[in-house]
Amino acid sequence: MATLDEEFLALPLGELDAVVLERAQSRGASDAEIRIEQIREQYLVLRDALVEGATDDVEIGVGVRVVIDGSIGFAGTIELTKDAVARAVDVAIEAARVTAGSRRRFVELAPEPSYGSVEFVSPFEIDPTSVPLDQRVALFVSWSERLMAAPGVDHVTASLHGVNENKHFANLAGTVANQRRVRIHPTLEALSLRDADFETMRTVAPPVGRGYEYLSGTTWDFESEIAAIPQLLEEKLASPSVEPGEFDLVIDPTNLWLTIHESVGHATELDRALGYEAAYAGTSFATFDQLGSLRYGSELMQITGDRVTPYGLATIGFDDEGVKAQEFDLVRDGVLVGYQLDRQIAHEAALGSSNGCAFGCSPLMSPIQRMANVSLKPAQGNGPSTPELIAGVRRGIYIVGDKSWSIDMQRYNFQFTGQRFFLIDEGKIVSQLRDVAYQATTTDFWGSLVALGGSSTYLLGGAMNCGKGQPGQIAPVSHGCPSALFANVRVLNAKQESGR
């Protein structure tokens, strides 16, 4: 059973809390909080069954944030001593006072009650960062060699990313939260060369908030997926290039999660919608004046944000402002009804309270509004399977796995490709296709949603490295969705487009 990390809890957490909160309050702070974090992150990369790189990094530090006289100040330190955190409080207060002269808005945080002493541990059996390197290498060498032994496979790359995150939080309201999260992401990709031509095929196993046991095959059948890749790759190389036109698309959750991330997840971050944030992903077409009226998609479109989904990458107990994790609506019956919020933006927009979307990727980074698990609900009741969705399509394409994408700075005009494309003719898959890209505006695309798969097709996809902010921060986030059918979507030939 997963537990809090005893070694982390042995640090002088309470003593540092007392120094920070007492000093901040005595110097006039209306809000103050301390985050103490220890983050262990490992990467393993292989090429053709040989280790190309392996890292094992541990970051530990303290972040202090204060609100004083309508300004926010932040400071961090890697020294876990009373003197160091006291200096951090002073630096944060000075930063708040320096920036007060140039601020455009008086800062207040939306109210949040005290939760007392609380704990959260993500469900896992084996901390992914506790597994010896030789054991991890042996598994990925075995998988890589199996792919390389298949006819037609010329090169194989493989990677494993694992994280163990320990976090302690305390604020003036009286919340003291100890949390531990793990996450893991394995990938393998095979490449085949044919004269002047080549193709790749990658696993579509998603990153998850699980431990190393994820690789055992009990929740994802890695053995079957790896065994299928050589034939899929061979068939793809022999497949015709797509003829551009309009197609019905059955999009697998291994592809659709990324479309949700880019066209809904980023677009419903309220700081973007208000124009306060544009780094990495731009602002948003879903502006605040359209809340409650914007027709985002068809009535089948039910999108929620949450930080509570089991095994979600953004799942927590409490966010980095002491807000309890929760679920909330973003799009209901195809209409924009909500945004992702932190306490500052919730107060400024007069929305009452935050829905728990504050996160700092490092103890030395101030928390900013970050994406929750943003997910599309499946069909109610006993909805159709993926084969049943395909059976209802006369002329279309079934798309599996994510690859490249492009979207404008308002999250409105986009283009997505994928890993595997299957031509559908009169309800049956007849062959693979190559060079498929689908293009649309966000509202046209979601407006073309005509059918959703049932819960049996639902899957949590996601990314470990969503970027935002200046200085840049990354955050892990999951997106659940079923297979879904979209009518008359414009399909481009990606090779022809790239050659223009």
Protein backbone atom coordinates (compact mmCIF):
# COMPACT_ATOMS: atom_id res chain seq x y z
CA MET A 1 0.00 0.00 0.00
CA ALA A 2 1.32 3.45 -0.94
CA THR A 3 2.28 5.68 1.95
CA LEU A 4 3.88 9.02 2.59
CA ASP A 5 7.68 9.02 2.37
CA GLU A 6 8.99 8.66 5.94
CA GLU A 7 12.40 10.08 5.01
CA PHE A 8 10.74 13.23 3.68
CA LEU A 9 8.50 13.53 6.76
CA ALA A 10 11.62 13.38 8.95
CA LEU A 11 12.69 16.79 7.65
CA PRO A 12 12.02 19.73 10.04
CA LEU A 13 8.78 20.59 8.26
CA GLY A 14 6.83 21.98 11.20
CA GLU A 15 9.73 24.07 12.45
CA LEU A 16 10.16 25.71 9.05
CA ASP A 17 6.39 26.29 8.82
CA ALA A 18 6.40 28.17 12.09
CA VAL A 19 9.29 30.43 11.10
CA VAL A 20 7.77 31.34 7.73
CA LEU A 21 4.18 31.90 8.82
CA GLU A 22 4.98 33.78 12.01
CA ARG A 23 7.50 36.03 10.29
CA ALA A 24 5.22 36.75 7.34
CA GLN A 25 2.28 37.60 9.57
CA SER A 26 4.37 39.80 11.86
CA ARG A 27 5.53 41.78 8.82
CA GLY A 28 2.00 42.48 7.64
CA ALA A 29 1.24 39.69 5.15
CA SER A 30 -2.46 39.02 4.69
CA ASP A 31 -1.73 35.60 3.14
CA ALA A 32 1.37 33.46 3.40
CA GLU A 33 2.25 29.89 2.52
CA ILE A 34 5.24 27.59 2.48
CA ARG A 35 5.92 24.64 0.16
CA ILE A 36 8.69 22.18 0.94
CA GLU A 37 9.28 19.72 -1.89
CA GLN A 38 11.50 16.82 -2.78
CA ILE A 39 11.18 15.70 -6.39
CA ARG A 40 13.08 12.71 -7.77
CA GLU A 41 12.99 12.40 -11.56
CA GLN A 42 14.54 9.69 -13.72
CA TYR A 43 15.00 9.36 -17.47
CA LEU A 44 16.22 6.32 -19.36
CA VAL A 45 16.79 6.43 -23.13
CA LEU A 46 17.87 3.55 -25.37
CA ARG A 47 18.64 3.40 -29.06
CA ASP A 48 18.79 0.01 -30.77
CA ALA A 49 18.83 -1.73 -27.38
CA LEU A 50 21.84 0.26 -26.15
CA VAL A 51 21.63 2.78 -23.34
CA GLU A 52 22.03 6.26 -24.76
CA GLY A 53 21.39 8.16 -21.55
CA ALA A 54 20.26 7.71 -17.96
CA THR A 55 19.65 10.43 -15.39
CA ASP A 56 18.54 10.40 -11.78
CA ASP A 57 17.96 13.89 -10.38
CA VAL A 58 16.70 14.97 -6.97
CA GLU A 59 15.49 18.51 -6.31
CA ILE A 60 14.73 19.70 -2.81
CA GLY A 61 13.87 23.16 -1.60
CA VAL A 62 11.48 25.60 0.00
CA GLY A 63 9.17 28.11 -1.67
CA VAL A 64 7.59 31.00 0.22
CA ARG A 65 4.74 33.13 -1.13
CA VAL A 66 3.21 36.16 0.55
CA VAL A 67 0.44 38.65 -0.23
CA ILE A 68 1.07 42.05 1.29
CA ASP A 69 -0.59 45.38 0.52
CA GLY A 70 -2.22 43.99 -2.62
CA SER A 71 0.94 42.50 -4.16
CA ILE A 72 2.35 38.98 -4.38
CA GLY A 73 5.94 38.18 -3.55
CA PHE A 74 7.77 34.86 -3.89
CA ALA A 75 11.18 33.55 -2.92
CA GLY A 76 12.81 30.14 -2.80
CA THR A 77 15.80 28.50 -1.22
CA ILE A 78 17.50 25.12 -1.31
CA GLU A 79 18.56 25.49 2.33
CA LEU A 80 16.21 23.80 4.78
CA THR A 81 17.21 25.88 7.79
CA LYS A 82 15.34 28.39 9.94
CA ASP A 83 17.67 31.22 8.96
CA ALA A 84 17.34 30.46 5.25
CA VAL A 85 13.54 30.38 5.25
CA ALA A 86 13.40 33.56 7.36
CA ARG A 87 15.53 35.28 4.70
CA ALA A 88 13.18 33.90 2.04
CA VAL A 89 10.24 35.55 3.77
CA ASP A 90 12.06 38.88 3.76
CA VAL A 91 12.96 38.54 0.08
CA ALA A 92 9.36 37.65 -0.82
CA ILE A 93 8.02 40.67 1.08
CA GLU A 94 10.55 42.96 -0.56
CA ALA A 95 9.63 41.55 -3.99
CA ALA A 96 5.95 42.27 -3.31
CA ARG A 97 6.69 45.84 -2.31
CA VAL A 98 8.96 46.47 -5.30
CA THR A 99 6.34 45.21 -7.77
CA ALA A 100 3.53 47.16 -6.08
CA GLY A 101 4.57 50.29 -7.94
CA SER A 102 4.04 48.71 -11.34
CA ARG A 103 1.01 46.55 -10.65
CA ARG A 104 -2.17 47.10 -12.65
CA ARG A 105 -4.45 45.30 -10.20
CA PHE A 106 -4.76 45.07 -6.43
CA VAL A 107 -4.22 41.39 -5.65
CA GLU A 108 -6.51 39.43 -3.38
CA LEU A 109 -6.93 35.69 -3.15
CA ALA A 110 -10.35 34.05 -3.20
CA PRO A 111 -11.23 32.70 0.26
CA GLU A 112 -10.48 29.09 1.11
CA PRO A 113 -11.19 27.42 4.47
CA SER A 114 -8.68 25.65 6.65
CA TYR A 115 -8.58 21.88 6.25
CA GLY A 116 -6.31 21.25 9.21
CA SER A 117 -3.71 18.49 8.87
CA VAL A 118 -4.41 16.39 5.76
CA GLU A 119 -2.65 13.79 3.63
CA PHE A 120 -2.83 12.53 0.06
CA VAL A 121 -0.94 9.66 -1.59
CA SER A 122 -1.51 8.63 -5.18
CA PRO A 123 -2.29 4.90 -5.52
CA PHE A 124 0.78 2.87 -6.46
CA GLU A 125 2.59 -0.30 -5.48
CA ILE A 126 6.20 0.39 -6.50
CA ASP A 127 7.78 3.85 -6.51
CA PRO A 128 9.06 4.07 -10.12
CA THR A 129 12.22 5.86 -8.97
CA SER A 130 13.09 3.07 -6.50
CA VAL A 131 13.69 0.41 -9.17
CA PRO A 132 17.42 -0.24 -9.79
CA LEU A 133 18.78 1.03 -13.09
CA ASP A 134 19.94 -2.39 -14.25
CA GLN A 135 16.44 -3.77 -13.81
CA ARG A 136 14.89 -0.96 -15.85
CA VAL A 137 17.55 -1.32 -18.54
CA ALA A 138 17.05 -5.08 -18.77
CA LEU A 139 13.32 -4.73 -19.40
CA PHE A 140 13.70 -2.08 -22.10
CA VAL A 141 16.60 -3.90 -23.76
CA SER A 142 14.38 -6.99 -23.92
CA TRP A 143 11.50 -5.08 -25.47
CA SER A 144 13.80 -3.27 -27.91
CA GLU A 145 15.52 -6.49 -29.02
CA ARG A 146 12.15 -8.11 -29.61
CA LEU A 147 11.21 -5.29 -31.99
CA MET A 148 14.61 -5.25 -33.68
CA ALA A 149 14.38 -8.99 -34.38
CA ALA A 150 11.21 -8.51 -36.44
CA PRO A 151 11.56 -8.36 -40.24
CA GLY A 152 11.51 -4.83 -41.59
CA VAL A 153 12.38 -3.03 -38.34
CA ASP A 154 15.65 -1.15 -38.77
CA HIS A 155 15.91 0.95 -35.63
CA VAL A 156 14.20 1.14 -32.25
CA THR A 157 14.20 3.94 -29.68
CA ALA A 158 12.86 3.50 -26.17
CA SER A 159 12.45 5.71 -23.13
CA LEU A 160 11.19 5.60 -19.56
CA HIS A 161 10.34 8.65 -17.46
CA GLY A 162 9.55 8.22 -13.77
CA VAL A 163 8.81 10.76 -11.01
CA ASN A 164 8.36 10.59 -7.25
CA GLU A 165 7.09 13.93 -5.85
CA ASN A 166 6.87 14.68 -2.13
CA LYS A 167 5.24 17.95 -1.08
CA HIS A 168 4.54 19.69 2.22
CA PHE A 169 2.29 22.76 2.30
CA ALA A 170 1.19 25.06 5.10
CA ASN A 171 -0.58 28.43 5.11
CA LEU A 172 -1.87 31.08 7.48
CA ALA A 173 -5.40 29.66 7.25
CA GLY A 174 -4.22 26.55 9.10
CA THR A 175 -4.06 23.96 6.32
CA VAL A 176 -1.07 21.63 6.61
CA ALA A 177 -0.95 19.12 3.74
CA ASN A 178 1.54 16.31 3.14
CA GLN A 179 1.28 14.70 -0.28
CA ARG A 180 3.09 12.16 -2.42
CA ARG A 181 2.57 11.57 -6.13
CA VAL A 182 4.23 9.22 -8.58
CA ARG A 183 3.99 9.05 -12.36
CA ILE A 184 5.52 7.03 -15.16
CA HIS A 185 5.68 7.08 -18.96
CA PRO A 186 7.21 4.30 -21.11
CA THR A 187 7.57 4.57 -24.90
CA LEU A 188 8.99 2.44 -27.71
CA GLU A 189 9.19 3.46 -31.35
CA ALA A 190 10.20 1.34 -34.34
CA LEU A 191 11.50 2.74 -37.62
CA SER A 192 11.57 1.01 -41.02
CA LEU A 193 13.58 2.18 -44.02
CA ARG A 194 12.62 1.35 -47.61
CA ASP A 195 14.95 2.84 -50.20
CA ALA A 196 14.26 6.57 -49.93
CA ASP A 197 11.13 6.01 -47.83
CA PHE A 198 10.63 5.45 -44.11
CA GLU A 199 7.90 5.15 -41.51
CA THR A 200 7.70 4.98 -37.72
CA MET A 201 5.29 3.33 -35.32
CA ARG A 202 5.18 4.11 -31.61
CA THR A 203 3.43 2.53 -28.65
CA VAL A 204 0.34 4.41 -27.52
CA ALA A 205 0.48 3.45 -23.84
CA PRO A 206 -0.30 6.69 -21.99
CA PRO A 207 1.63 8.23 -19.11
CA VAL A 208 -0.18 7.55 -15.83
CA GLY A 209 -0.15 8.35 -12.15
CA ARG A 210 0.89 4.82 -11.28
CA GLY A 211 4.00 3.08 -10.06
CA TYR A 212 6.45 0.75 -11.78
CA GLU A 213 3.85 -2.02 -11.64
CA TYR A 214 2.30 -0.33 -14.69
CA LEU A 215 4.95 -2.09 -16.79
CA SER A 216 3.84 -5.54 -15.61
CA GLY A 217 0.98 -5.58 -18.11
CA THR A 218 -1.91 -5.80 -15.67
CA THR A 219 -3.39 -2.43 -16.71
CA TRP A 220 -1.86 -2.07 -20.20
CA ASP A 221 -0.95 -5.00 -22.45
CA PHE A 222 2.56 -3.96 -23.45
CA GLU A 223 3.43 -7.45 -24.73
CA SER A 224 0.59 -7.47 -27.26
CA GLU A 225 1.19 -3.90 -28.39
CA ILE A 226 4.91 -4.49 -28.94
CA ALA A 227 4.16 -7.73 -30.81
CA ALA A 228 1.72 -5.91 -33.13
CA ILE A 229 4.00 -3.01 -34.07
CA PRO A 230 6.15 -4.72 -36.78
CA GLN A 231 3.17 -5.85 -38.85
CA LEU A 232 1.39 -2.52 -38.40
CA LEU A 233 4.55 -0.75 -39.53
CA GLU A 234 4.98 -3.01 -42.55
CA GLU A 235 1.36 -2.45 -43.58
CA LYS A 236 1.74 1.30 -43.12
CA LEU A 237 4.75 1.43 -45.42
CA ALA A 238 2.77 -0.36 -48.11
CA SER A 239 -0.33 1.80 -47.64
CA PRO A 240 -1.49 4.55 -50.01
CA SER A 241 -1.14 8.22 -49.19
CA VAL A 242 -4.48 9.78 -48.28
CA GLU A 243 -6.41 11.76 -50.86
CA PRO A 244 -7.48 15.08 -49.29
CA GLY A 245 -11.17 15.63 -48.73
CA GLU A 246 -13.91 15.45 -46.13
CA PHE A 247 -14.16 12.28 -44.07
CA ASP A 248 -16.06 11.04 -41.07
CA LEU A 249 -13.46 10.43 -38.37
CA VAL A 250 -13.59 7.84 -35.63
CA ILE A 251 -10.93 9.14 -33.27
CA ASP A 252 -9.47 6.82 -30.68
CA PRO A 253 -8.83 8.26 -27.17
CA THR A 254 -5.09 7.70 -27.76
CA ASN A 255 -5.35 10.53 -30.31
CA LEU A 256 -8.32 12.57 -29.10
CA TRP A 257 -6.75 13.36 -25.71
CA LEU A 258 -4.27 15.72 -27.39
CA THR A 259 -7.00 17.54 -29.32
CA ILE A 260 -8.81 18.06 -26.02
CA HIS A 261 -5.61 19.31 -24.41
CA GLU A 262 -4.89 21.90 -27.07
CA SER A 263 -8.37 23.06 -28.10
CA VAL A 264 -10.20 22.84 -24.75
CA GLY A 265 -7.67 22.46 -21.94
CA HIS A 266 -5.57 25.51 -22.74
CA ALA A 267 -8.52 27.51 -24.05
CA THR A 268 -10.41 27.23 -20.75
CA GLU A 269 -7.57 28.47 -18.56
CA LEU A 270 -9.09 31.74 -17.36
CA ASP A 271 -5.80 33.64 -17.25
CA ARG A 272 -5.48 32.96 -21.00
CA ALA A 273 -9.12 33.85 -21.67
CA LEU A 274 -8.59 37.18 -19.90
CA GLY A 275 -5.41 37.83 -21.86
CA TYR A 276 -3.09 37.78 -18.83
CA GLU A 277 -1.14 34.75 -20.03
CA ALA A 278 0.19 34.01 -23.50
CA ALA A 279 3.45 32.10 -22.97
CA TYR A 280 3.80 28.78 -24.84
CA ALA A 281 0.15 28.39 -25.81
CA GLY A 282 -1.19 31.88 -26.48
CA THR A 283 -4.43 33.37 -25.21
CA SER A 284 -7.93 32.00 -25.95
CA PHE A 285 -10.85 32.52 -28.29
CA ALA A 286 -13.14 31.43 -25.40
CA THR A 287 -13.18 34.88 -23.82
CA PHE A 288 -14.80 35.61 -20.46
CA ASP A 289 -17.67 37.59 -21.96
CA GLN A 290 -18.84 34.37 -23.68
CA LEU A 291 -19.19 32.37 -20.45
CA GLY A 292 -22.58 30.69 -20.53
CA SER A 293 -23.24 31.51 -24.18
CA LEU A 294 -20.38 30.24 -26.39
CA ARG A 295 -21.49 27.27 -28.49
CA TYR A 296 -18.28 25.23 -28.14
CA GLY A 297 -19.58 22.05 -29.78
CA SER A 298 -22.53 19.73 -30.23
CA GLU A 299 -24.89 18.90 -27.37
CA LEU A 300 -23.01 15.62 -26.90
CA MET A 301 -19.98 17.54 -25.64
CA GLN A 302 -19.64 17.29 -21.85
CA ILE A 303 -16.20 18.41 -20.68
CA THR A 304 -15.12 18.45 -17.05
CA GLY A 305 -11.99 19.55 -15.25
CA ASP A 306 -10.89 17.64 -12.19
CA ARG A 307 -8.02 16.91 -9.86
CA VAL A 308 -9.54 13.77 -8.37
CA THR A 309 -9.58 11.12 -11.13
CA PRO A 310 -7.75 7.97 -9.97
CA TYR A 311 -4.33 7.67 -11.66
CA GLY A 312 -4.67 11.09 -13.30
CA LEU A 313 -1.43 12.98 -13.79
CA ALA A 314 -2.93 16.18 -12.37
CA THR A 315 -4.68 14.35 -9.53
CA ILE A 316 -3.86 15.63 -6.04
CA GLY A 317 -5.44 16.10 -2.64
CA PHE A 318 -4.82 19.86 -2.37
CA ASP A 319 -3.33 22.30 -4.85
CA ASP A 320 -0.39 24.62 -4.24
CA GLU A 321 -2.66 27.27 -2.69
CA GLY A 322 -4.31 24.90 -0.22
CA VAL A 323 -7.48 24.41 -2.29
CA LYS A 324 -9.13 21.00 -1.99
CA ALA A 325 -9.18 18.90 -5.16
CA GLN A 326 -12.54 18.77 -6.93
CA GLU A 327 -14.39 18.21 -10.21
CA PHE A 328 -16.08 21.01 -12.13
CA ASP A 329 -17.84 21.59 -15.45
CA LEU A 330 -16.15 23.41 -18.33
CA VAL A 331 -18.49 22.60 -21.23
CA ARG A 332 -22.02 21.34 -20.64
CA ASP A 333 -24.28 20.27 -23.52
CA GLY A 334 -21.81 21.92 -25.88
CA VAL A 335 -21.86 25.34 -24.13
CA LEU A 336 -18.94 26.96 -22.28
CA VAL A 337 -19.93 27.05 -18.59
CA GLY A 338 -16.67 27.25 -16.65
CA TYR A 339 -12.95 27.87 -16.53
CA GLN A 340 -9.92 26.55 -14.69
CA LEU A 341 -9.04 28.86 -11.81
CA ASP A 342 -6.51 29.65 -9.14
CA ARG A 343 -7.35 31.83 -6.13
CA GLN A 344 -6.12 35.10 -7.61
CA ILE A 345 -7.99 34.79 -10.91
CA ALA A 346 -11.13 33.46 -9.17
CA HIS A 347 -11.30 36.56 -6.98
CA GLU A 348 -10.58 38.95 -9.83
CA ALA A 349 -13.30 37.42 -12.02
CA ALA A 350 -15.76 37.39 -9.08
CA LEU A 351 -16.30 33.66 -9.43
CA GLY A 352 -16.37 32.97 -5.71
CA SER A 353 -13.68 30.39 -5.08
CA SER A 354 -10.86 28.61 -6.86
CA ASN A 355 -11.39 25.14 -8.30
CA GLY A 356 -7.88 24.07 -7.33
CA CYS A 357 -5.71 24.69 -10.39
CA ALA A 358 -2.57 26.23 -8.85
CA PHE A 359 0.72 24.38 -9.32
CA GLY A 360 4.42 25.15 -9.20
CA CYS A 361 6.67 22.60 -10.88
CA SER A 362 9.51 23.29 -8.45
CA PRO A 363 9.81 24.54 -4.89
CA LEU A 364 11.78 27.43 -6.40
CA MET A 365 8.90 28.40 -8.72
CA SER A 366 5.85 30.42 -7.70
CA PRO A 367 2.60 28.51 -8.28
CA ILE A 368 0.61 29.62 -11.33
CA GLN A 369 -2.74 28.54 -12.75
CA ARG A 370 -2.20 25.16 -14.43
CA MET A 371 -4.35 22.68 -16.23
CA ALA A 372 -6.46 20.13 -14.38
CA ASN A 373 -7.36 16.73 -15.80
CA VAL A 374 -9.67 17.95 -18.60
CA SER A 375 -11.87 15.15 -19.92
CA LEU A 376 -14.72 14.36 -22.31
CA LYS A 377 -17.47 12.22 -20.81
CA PRO A 378 -18.49 9.02 -22.65
CA ALA A 379 -21.99 8.26 -23.87
CA GLN A 380 -24.52 7.74 -21.11
CA GLY A 381 -25.74 4.25 -20.44
CA ASN A 382 -24.54 1.35 -22.56
CA GLY A 383 -22.84 3.37 -25.30
CA PRO A 384 -21.33 1.91 -28.47
CA SER A 385 -17.95 0.19 -28.71
CA THR A 386 -15.29 1.46 -31.09
CA PRO A 387 -16.13 -1.25 -33.68
CA GLU A 388 -19.79 -0.23 -33.44
CA LEU A 389 -18.86 3.41 -34.13
CA ILE A 390 -16.82 2.28 -37.12
CA ALA A 391 -19.71 0.11 -38.38
CA GLY A 392 -21.87 3.23 -38.73
CA VAL A 393 -19.42 5.04 -41.02
CA ARG A 394 -19.79 4.86 -44.81
CA ARG A 395 -16.56 6.64 -45.75
CA GLY A 396 -14.12 7.59 -43.05
CA ILE A 397 -10.86 7.14 -41.19
CA TYR A 398 -10.12 5.59 -37.81
CA ILE A 399 -7.22 7.42 -36.11
CA VAL A 400 -5.07 5.92 -33.34
CA GLY A 401 -2.20 7.50 -31.40
CA ASP A 402 -0.89 11.06 -31.33
CA LYS A 403 1.98 12.56 -33.25
CA SER A 404 2.45 16.12 -34.52
CA TRP A 405 0.05 19.03 -34.18
CA SER A 406 -0.30 22.75 -34.79
CA ILE A 407 -2.72 25.30 -33.34
CA ASP A 408 -2.91 29.08 -33.46
CA MET A 409 -2.35 31.42 -30.54
CA GLN A 410 -6.07 31.68 -29.75
CA ARG A 411 -6.53 27.88 -29.66
CA TYR A 412 -8.91 28.09 -32.60
CA ASN A 413 -7.44 26.94 -35.94
CA PHE A 414 -5.69 23.60 -35.66
CA GLN A 415 -4.22 20.59 -37.42
CA PHE A 416 -3.45 17.15 -35.92
CA THR A 417 -1.84 13.98 -37.22
CA GLY A 418 -1.53 10.56 -35.57
CA GLN A 419 0.29 7.25 -35.38
CA ARG A 420 -2.04 4.91 -37.26
CA PHE A 421 -4.76 5.60 -39.81
CA PHE A 422 -7.29 3.07 -41.07
CA LEU A 423 -9.56 3.65 -44.06
CA ILE A 424 -13.21 2.85 -43.35
CA ASP A 425 -15.44 1.82 -46.26
CA GLU A 426 -19.09 0.91 -45.68
CA GLY A 427 -18.53 0.28 -42.00
CA LYS A 428 -15.42 -1.84 -42.35
CA ILE A 429 -11.69 -1.16 -42.04
CA VAL A 430 -10.13 -2.00 -45.40
CA SER A 431 -6.52 -0.78 -45.14
CA GLN A 432 -4.13 1.61 -43.50
CA LEU A 433 -3.45 5.08 -44.87
CA ARG A 434 -0.45 7.38 -44.70
CA ASP A 435 0.11 11.11 -44.32
CA VAL A 436 -3.26 11.88 -42.70
CA ALA A 437 -3.85 15.20 -40.95
CA TYR A 438 -7.21 16.59 -39.88
CA GLN A 439 -7.82 20.34 -39.87
CA ALA A 440 -10.62 22.48 -38.44
CA THR A 441 -11.52 25.35 -36.18
CA THR A 442 -12.21 24.37 -32.59
CA THR A 443 -15.94 25.14 -32.70
CA ASP A 444 -16.47 23.50 -36.12
CA PHE A 445 -14.64 20.38 -35.00
CA TRP A 446 -16.51 19.94 -31.73
CA GLY A 447 -19.72 20.94 -33.49
CA SER A 448 -19.23 17.96 -35.80
CA LEU A 449 -19.28 15.50 -32.87
CA VAL A 450 -22.14 13.13 -33.71
CA ALA A 451 -21.52 10.05 -31.55
CA LEU A 452 -19.61 9.05 -28.43
CA GLY A 453 -18.32 5.64 -27.45
CA GLY A 454 -19.44 4.08 -24.20
CA SER A 455 -17.46 3.72 -21.02
CA SER A 456 -15.72 0.59 -22.37
CA THR A 457 -13.86 2.84 -24.85
CA TYR A 458 -12.84 5.43 -22.23
CA LEU A 459 -9.11 5.95 -21.59
CA LEU A 460 -6.94 8.45 -19.72
CA GLY A 461 -4.31 9.88 -22.05
CA GLY A 462 -2.06 12.76 -21.21
CA ALA A 463 1.37 14.38 -21.07
CA MET A 464 4.10 14.70 -18.47
CA ASN A 465 5.42 18.00 -19.83
CA CYS A 466 2.75 20.63 -20.51
CA GLY A 467 4.54 23.98 -20.68
CA LYS A 468 3.41 27.39 -19.47
CA GLY A 469 4.70 30.61 -17.95
CA GLN A 470 7.77 32.82 -17.99
CA PRO A 471 10.10 31.50 -16.60
CA GLY A 472 8.77 28.31 -18.13
CA GLN A 473 7.20 25.62 -15.98
CA ILE A 474 6.02 22.14 -16.90
CA ALA A 475 3.12 20.21 -15.43
CA PRO A 476 1.72 16.68 -15.81
CA VAL A 477 -1.89 16.42 -16.94
CA SER A 478 -4.31 13.69 -18.01
CA HIS A 479 -7.24 13.82 -20.41
CA GLY A 480 -9.86 11.11 -20.39
CA CYS A 481 -12.17 10.48 -23.32
CA PRO A 482 -13.99 7.76 -25.20
CA SER A 483 -13.71 6.96 -28.87
CA ALA A 484 -15.77 9.53 -30.75
CA LEU A 485 -17.25 10.04 -34.21
CA PHE A 486 -16.94 13.39 -36.00
CA ALA A 487 -18.77 14.03 -39.29
CA ASN A 488 -17.35 15.63 -42.42
CA VAL A 489 -13.98 16.79 -41.09
CA ARG A 490 -11.45 18.21 -43.52
CA VAL A 491 -8.53 15.83 -44.05
CA LEU A 492 -5.24 17.02 -45.55
CA ASN A 493 -2.30 15.12 -46.98
CA ALA A 494 0.42 16.02 -44.47
CA LYS A 495 3.25 15.22 -46.87
CA GLN A 496 1.79 17.43 -49.58
CA GLU A 497 1.18 20.23 -47.08
CA SER A 498 4.72 20.09 -45.70
CA GLY A 499 6.14 20.18 -49.23
CA ARG A 500 4.42 23.45 -50.10
